[in-house]
């Protein structure tokens, strides 16, 4: 099975993994978060050093798999590792603590903005000459891959809420954003399926004589971006609902504890912190 070696990716993964593990061990970090973060780094190696990397300039569908992985799977696993919280618990960052919940940070993490951050890179990649350029320039290709990971991490970081974030939006907002992302995946998939071939001269010259023809190759790739993107997003939806349920359970426990401590006078809802103002007597 052919393999390749991407030195910048390997060095970046080793550096990030070593720093995270050492810091997590020192802080007594939950093993599950460490496992998730390392798994996210491992997906980068799969994309850059496995047969996927060997054939990523040969077949359109291979590059589509890389895109879905770097935009949806890698950032989700990294965000589940809560690296921002680990950083803030370890290193004093006055500027971040001072401006982390400021007006600018809140505006940049406004739900529609975050949705655009996730969707725009893929649309720009596949609907502009940028895609053809990534096939010809390793530097541009590497920067695009880094941009995909950063865009995906921004999305999952703000939506999961495991790390400190500038906004505390309701969980239902994250659910609607997830559904919006599904719609965009479908639209892009249809455009690539029915539209003209991307980089036809490149793929015609690079075709190895086996495998799907360029049109079938792009149709498969369109399906990967459409269906694969939606399937890759399912773990996020599951994690979102799990966190939603845990937050509701934690809130119910806090209300019960306050009710137990409150004097037993009047009607029960008058002692409920969440309902007292709504049903207070006039």
Protein backbone atom coordinates (compact mmCIF):
# COMPACT_ATOMS: atom_id res chain seq x y z
CA UNK A 1 0.00 0.00 0.00
CA UNK A 2 1.65 3.25 -1.10
CA UNK A 3 2.40 5.84 1.54
CA UNK A 4 3.88 9.31 1.48
CA UNK A 5 5.46 11.67 3.99
CA UNK A 6 4.30 15.24 4.58
CA UNK A 7 7.01 16.77 6.76
CA UNK A 8 5.15 19.97 7.82
CA UNK A 9 2.05 18.01 8.76
CA UNK A 10 3.99 15.38 10.72
CA UNK A 11 6.05 17.98 12.58
CA UNK A 12 2.94 20.04 13.37
CA UNK A 13 1.08 17.00 14.67
CA UNK A 14 4.01 15.87 16.81
CA UNK A 15 4.47 19.34 18.29
CA UNK A 16 0.77 19.82 19.05
CA UNK A 17 0.38 16.31 20.43
CA UNK A 18 3.45 16.52 22.66
CA UNK A 19 2.46 19.92 24.06
CA UNK A 20 -1.12 18.82 24.71
CA UNK A 21 -0.19 15.52 26.37
CA UNK A 22 2.43 17.09 28.64
CA UNK A 23 0.07 19.88 29.68
CA UNK A 24 -2.86 17.51 30.16
CA UNK A 25 -0.78 15.16 32.30
CA UNK A 26 0.34 18.04 34.47
CA UNK A 27 -3.23 19.31 34.92
CA UNK A 28 -4.83 15.91 35.51
CA UNK A 29 -6.94 16.31 32.37
CA UNK A 30 -9.81 13.85 31.64
CA UNK A 31 -8.48 10.93 29.55
CA UNK A 32 -11.44 11.11 27.19
CA UNK A 33 -10.55 14.63 26.12
CA UNK A 34 -6.94 13.68 25.55
CA UNK A 35 -8.00 10.70 23.46
CA UNK A 36 -10.30 12.86 21.33
CA UNK A 37 -7.61 15.47 20.70
CA UNK A 38 -5.00 12.87 19.74
CA UNK A 39 -7.52 11.16 17.47
CA UNK A 40 -8.07 14.49 15.74
CA UNK A 41 -4.34 14.85 15.16
CA UNK A 42 -4.23 11.28 13.85
CA UNK A 43 -6.79 12.12 11.17
CA UNK A 44 -4.40 14.79 9.89
CA UNK A 45 -1.75 12.12 9.40
CA UNK A 46 -4.26 9.91 7.61
CA UNK A 47 -5.08 12.72 5.21
CA UNK A 48 -1.46 13.74 4.55
CA UNK A 49 0.55 10.51 4.73
CA UNK A 50 -1.78 7.62 3.78
CA UNK A 51 -2.81 6.47 0.28
CA UNK A 52 -5.30 9.33 0.36
CA UNK A 53 -2.34 11.69 0.04
CA UNK A 54 -0.73 9.57 -2.68
CA UNK A 55 -3.78 9.84 -4.94
CA UNK A 56 -5.09 13.25 -3.89
CA UNK A 57 -4.00 14.83 -7.18
CA UNK A 58 -5.11 11.83 -9.23
CA UNK A 59 -8.78 11.43 -8.32
CA UNK A 60 -11.33 14.09 -7.47
CA UNK A 61 -13.16 11.89 -4.95
CA UNK A 62 -9.97 11.33 -2.91
CA UNK A 63 -9.53 15.05 -2.41
CA UNK A 64 -13.21 15.29 -1.48
CA UNK A 65 -12.62 12.75 1.30
CA UNK A 66 -9.71 14.86 2.52
CA UNK A 67 -11.87 17.99 2.53
CA UNK A 68 -14.66 16.39 4.56
CA UNK A 69 -12.15 14.97 7.02
CA UNK A 70 -10.27 18.22 7.57
CA UNK A 71 -13.41 20.37 7.78
CA UNK A 72 -15.72 18.12 9.82
CA UNK A 73 -13.96 15.20 11.50
CA UNK A 74 -10.57 16.60 12.51
CA UNK A 75 -11.90 19.87 14.05
CA UNK A 76 -14.70 18.07 15.91
CA UNK A 77 -12.23 15.73 17.60
CA UNK A 78 -9.85 18.59 18.38
CA UNK A 79 -12.70 20.65 19.88
CA UNK A 80 -13.80 17.67 22.01
CA UNK A 81 -10.34 17.84 23.53
CA UNK A 82 -11.15 21.36 24.88
CA UNK A 83 -7.66 22.74 24.09
CA UNK A 84 -8.64 26.37 24.78
CA UNK A 85 -9.77 25.55 28.31
CA UNK A 86 -6.57 23.58 28.86
CA UNK A 87 -4.55 26.55 27.65
CA UNK A 88 -6.37 29.02 29.90
CA UNK A 89 -6.01 26.69 32.90
CA UNK A 90 -2.27 26.45 32.29
CA UNK A 91 -1.07 29.78 30.94
CA UNK A 92 -2.13 33.24 31.99
CA UNK A 93 -3.32 35.08 28.86
CA UNK A 94 -4.45 38.54 30.07
CA UNK A 95 -5.41 39.82 26.62
CA UNK A 96 -7.60 36.80 25.92
CA UNK A 97 -9.27 36.96 29.31
CA UNK A 98 -9.87 40.68 28.93
CA UNK A 99 -11.28 40.65 25.39
CA UNK A 100 -12.55 37.08 25.13
CA UNK A 101 -16.15 38.13 25.80
CA UNK A 102 -15.93 41.62 24.35
CA UNK A 103 -18.21 43.07 21.64
CA UNK A 104 -15.83 42.16 18.82
CA UNK A 105 -15.47 38.53 19.96
CA UNK A 106 -19.23 38.22 20.38
CA UNK A 107 -19.83 39.65 16.91
CA UNK A 108 -17.31 37.30 15.30
CA UNK A 109 -18.95 34.30 16.96
CA UNK A 110 -22.53 35.36 16.13
CA UNK A 111 -24.28 32.19 14.83
CA UNK A 112 -24.75 33.35 11.20
CA UNK A 113 -21.09 34.42 11.11
CA UNK A 114 -19.93 31.05 12.43
CA UNK A 115 -22.11 29.29 9.85
CA UNK A 116 -20.50 31.36 7.09
CA UNK A 117 -17.04 30.51 8.46
CA UNK A 118 -17.84 26.80 8.06
CA UNK A 119 -19.56 26.96 4.68
CA UNK A 120 -17.61 29.66 2.82
CA UNK A 121 -14.22 27.88 2.58
CA UNK A 122 -15.71 24.90 0.75
CA UNK A 123 -17.74 27.07 -1.60
CA UNK A 124 -14.70 29.19 -2.39
CA UNK A 125 -12.54 26.09 -2.87
CA UNK A 126 -14.84 24.34 -5.34
CA UNK A 127 -16.52 27.25 -7.09
CA UNK A 128 -13.46 29.38 -7.85
CA UNK A 129 -10.08 28.78 -9.56
CA UNK A 130 -8.62 28.05 -6.12
CA UNK A 131 -9.28 24.31 -6.54
CA UNK A 132 -7.14 24.09 -9.67
CA UNK A 133 -4.42 26.07 -7.93
CA UNK A 134 -4.30 23.62 -5.00
CA UNK A 135 -3.56 20.83 -7.48
CA UNK A 136 -0.55 22.70 -8.86
CA UNK A 137 0.90 24.38 -5.76
CA UNK A 138 1.81 22.37 -2.64
CA UNK A 139 2.09 25.63 -0.67
CA UNK A 140 -1.43 26.76 -1.58
CA UNK A 141 -2.71 23.24 -0.93
CA UNK A 142 -1.17 23.22 2.54
CA UNK A 143 -2.61 26.65 3.39
CA UNK A 144 -6.07 25.58 2.21
CA UNK A 145 -5.91 22.46 4.37
CA UNK A 146 -4.89 24.53 7.38
CA UNK A 147 -7.73 26.94 6.64
CA UNK A 148 -10.24 24.08 6.53
CA UNK A 149 -9.13 22.83 9.94
CA UNK A 150 -9.25 26.31 11.47
CA UNK A 151 -12.68 27.04 10.00
CA UNK A 152 -14.06 23.74 11.26
CA UNK A 153 -12.52 24.21 14.70
CA UNK A 154 -14.02 27.70 15.01
CA UNK A 155 -17.43 26.22 14.28
CA UNK A 156 -17.22 23.28 16.68
CA UNK A 157 -15.47 25.32 19.38
CA UNK A 158 -18.32 27.81 19.53
CA UNK A 159 -21.11 25.26 19.14
CA UNK A 160 -19.99 22.52 21.54
CA UNK A 161 -19.28 24.89 24.40
CA UNK A 162 -16.68 22.68 26.08
CA UNK A 163 -14.20 25.54 25.87
CA UNK A 164 -14.93 29.08 27.09
CA UNK A 165 -16.65 30.99 24.28
CA UNK A 166 -17.65 34.64 23.82
CA UNK A 167 -21.34 33.74 23.54
CA UNK A 168 -23.75 31.47 25.41
CA UNK A 169 -26.32 30.77 22.72
CA UNK A 170 -29.14 28.28 23.32
CA UNK A 171 -28.47 24.72 22.22
CA UNK A 172 -31.37 24.93 19.79
CA UNK A 173 -29.43 27.55 17.81
CA UNK A 174 -26.63 25.02 17.27
CA UNK A 175 -29.16 22.45 16.06
CA UNK A 176 -30.54 24.88 13.46
CA UNK A 177 -27.03 25.76 12.32
CA UNK A 178 -26.28 22.06 11.87
CA UNK A 179 -29.35 21.70 9.65
CA UNK A 180 -28.33 24.78 7.66
CA UNK A 181 -24.94 23.18 7.03
CA UNK A 182 -26.72 20.09 5.68
CA UNK A 183 -28.59 22.27 3.17
CA UNK A 184 -25.36 23.86 1.95
CA UNK A 185 -23.73 20.43 1.60
CA UNK A 186 -26.60 19.32 -0.59
CA UNK A 187 -26.47 22.43 -2.74
CA UNK A 188 -22.73 22.08 -3.36
CA UNK A 189 -23.11 18.38 -4.10
CA UNK A 190 -25.75 19.08 -6.75
CA UNK A 191 -23.64 21.79 -8.37
CA UNK A 192 -20.62 19.50 -8.64
CA UNK A 193 -22.72 16.56 -9.78
CA UNK A 194 -24.54 18.40 -12.56
CA UNK A 195 -22.01 21.14 -13.32
CA UNK A 196 -18.88 21.22 -15.48
CA UNK A 197 -15.77 19.26 -14.63
CA UNK A 198 -13.23 20.89 -12.31
CA UNK A 199 -9.62 20.97 -13.52
CA UNK A 200 -10.40 18.70 -16.51
CA UNK A 201 -6.97 19.09 -18.11
CA UNK A 202 -5.19 18.16 -14.89
CA UNK A 203 -7.26 15.05 -14.23
CA UNK A 204 -7.07 13.92 -17.85
CA UNK A 205 -3.27 14.08 -17.70
CA UNK A 206 -3.05 12.51 -14.22
CA UNK A 207 -5.45 9.61 -14.87
CA UNK A 208 -3.54 6.36 -14.20
CA UNK A 209 -5.51 4.25 -16.66
CA UNK A 210 -7.58 2.60 -13.99
CA UNK A 211 -10.36 3.84 -11.74
CA UNK A 212 -13.36 5.97 -12.65
CA UNK A 213 -13.36 8.32 -15.59
CA UNK A 214 -13.27 12.05 -14.78
CA UNK A 215 -17.06 12.55 -14.93
CA UNK A 216 -17.79 9.54 -12.72
CA UNK A 217 -14.93 10.57 -10.47
CA UNK A 218 -16.47 13.99 -9.91
CA UNK A 219 -19.93 12.51 -9.34
CA UNK A 220 -18.47 10.24 -6.65
CA UNK A 221 -16.67 13.22 -5.12
CA UNK A 222 -19.89 15.25 -5.13
CA UNK A 223 -21.57 12.41 -3.24
CA UNK A 224 -18.72 12.34 -0.73
CA UNK A 225 -19.06 16.07 -0.07
CA UNK A 226 -22.84 15.84 0.15
CA UNK A 227 -23.55 12.60 1.98
CA UNK A 228 -20.14 12.23 3.60
CA UNK A 229 -20.35 15.73 5.05
CA UNK A 230 -23.76 15.00 6.55
CA UNK A 231 -22.65 11.64 7.98
CA UNK A 232 -19.49 13.23 9.41
CA UNK A 233 -21.68 15.80 11.15
CA UNK A 234 -23.82 13.19 12.92
CA UNK A 235 -21.38 12.73 15.85
CA UNK A 236 -21.55 16.47 16.43
CA UNK A 237 -25.35 16.41 16.57
CA UNK A 238 -25.19 13.48 19.01
CA UNK A 239 -22.62 15.29 21.17
CA UNK A 240 -24.77 18.41 21.04
CA UNK A 241 -27.88 16.62 22.30
CA UNK A 242 -25.87 14.83 25.00
CA UNK A 243 -24.50 18.14 26.25
CA UNK A 244 -27.98 19.66 26.04
CA UNK A 245 -29.40 16.87 28.21
CA UNK A 246 -26.55 17.17 30.72
CA UNK A 247 -26.97 20.92 30.99
CA UNK A 248 -30.71 20.52 31.60
CA UNK A 249 -30.03 17.87 34.23
CA UNK A 250 -27.42 20.06 35.92
CA UNK A 251 -29.80 23.03 35.90
CA UNK A 252 -32.60 20.92 37.39
CA UNK A 253 -30.27 19.78 40.17
CA UNK A 254 -29.31 23.39 40.93
CA UNK A 255 -32.97 24.44 41.09
CA UNK A 256 -33.79 21.50 43.37
CA UNK A 257 -30.90 22.42 45.65
CA UNK A 258 -32.11 26.04 45.86
CA UNK A 259 -35.64 24.91 46.59
CA UNK A 260 -34.40 22.67 49.39
CA UNK A 261 -32.55 25.61 50.92
CA UNK A 262 -35.43 28.09 50.50
CA UNK A 263 -37.99 28.55 53.29
CA UNK A 264 -41.14 26.51 52.68
CA UNK A 265 -43.61 29.40 52.54
CA UNK A 266 -46.17 30.20 49.90
CA UNK A 267 -46.71 28.22 46.72
CA UNK A 268 -43.93 26.00 45.41
CA UNK A 269 -43.32 28.01 42.25
CA UNK A 270 -42.74 31.14 44.29
CA UNK A 271 -39.64 29.42 45.67
CA UNK A 272 -38.41 28.33 42.25
CA UNK A 273 -35.64 30.76 41.14
CA UNK A 274 -36.54 30.18 37.50
CA UNK A 275 -40.25 30.88 37.97
CA UNK A 276 -40.44 33.29 40.88
CA UNK A 277 -40.30 36.46 38.80
CA UNK A 278 -42.74 35.16 36.20
CA UNK A 279 -45.43 34.16 38.71
CA UNK A 280 -44.80 36.69 41.44
CA UNK A 281 -47.89 38.10 43.06
CA UNK A 282 -48.88 41.61 42.02
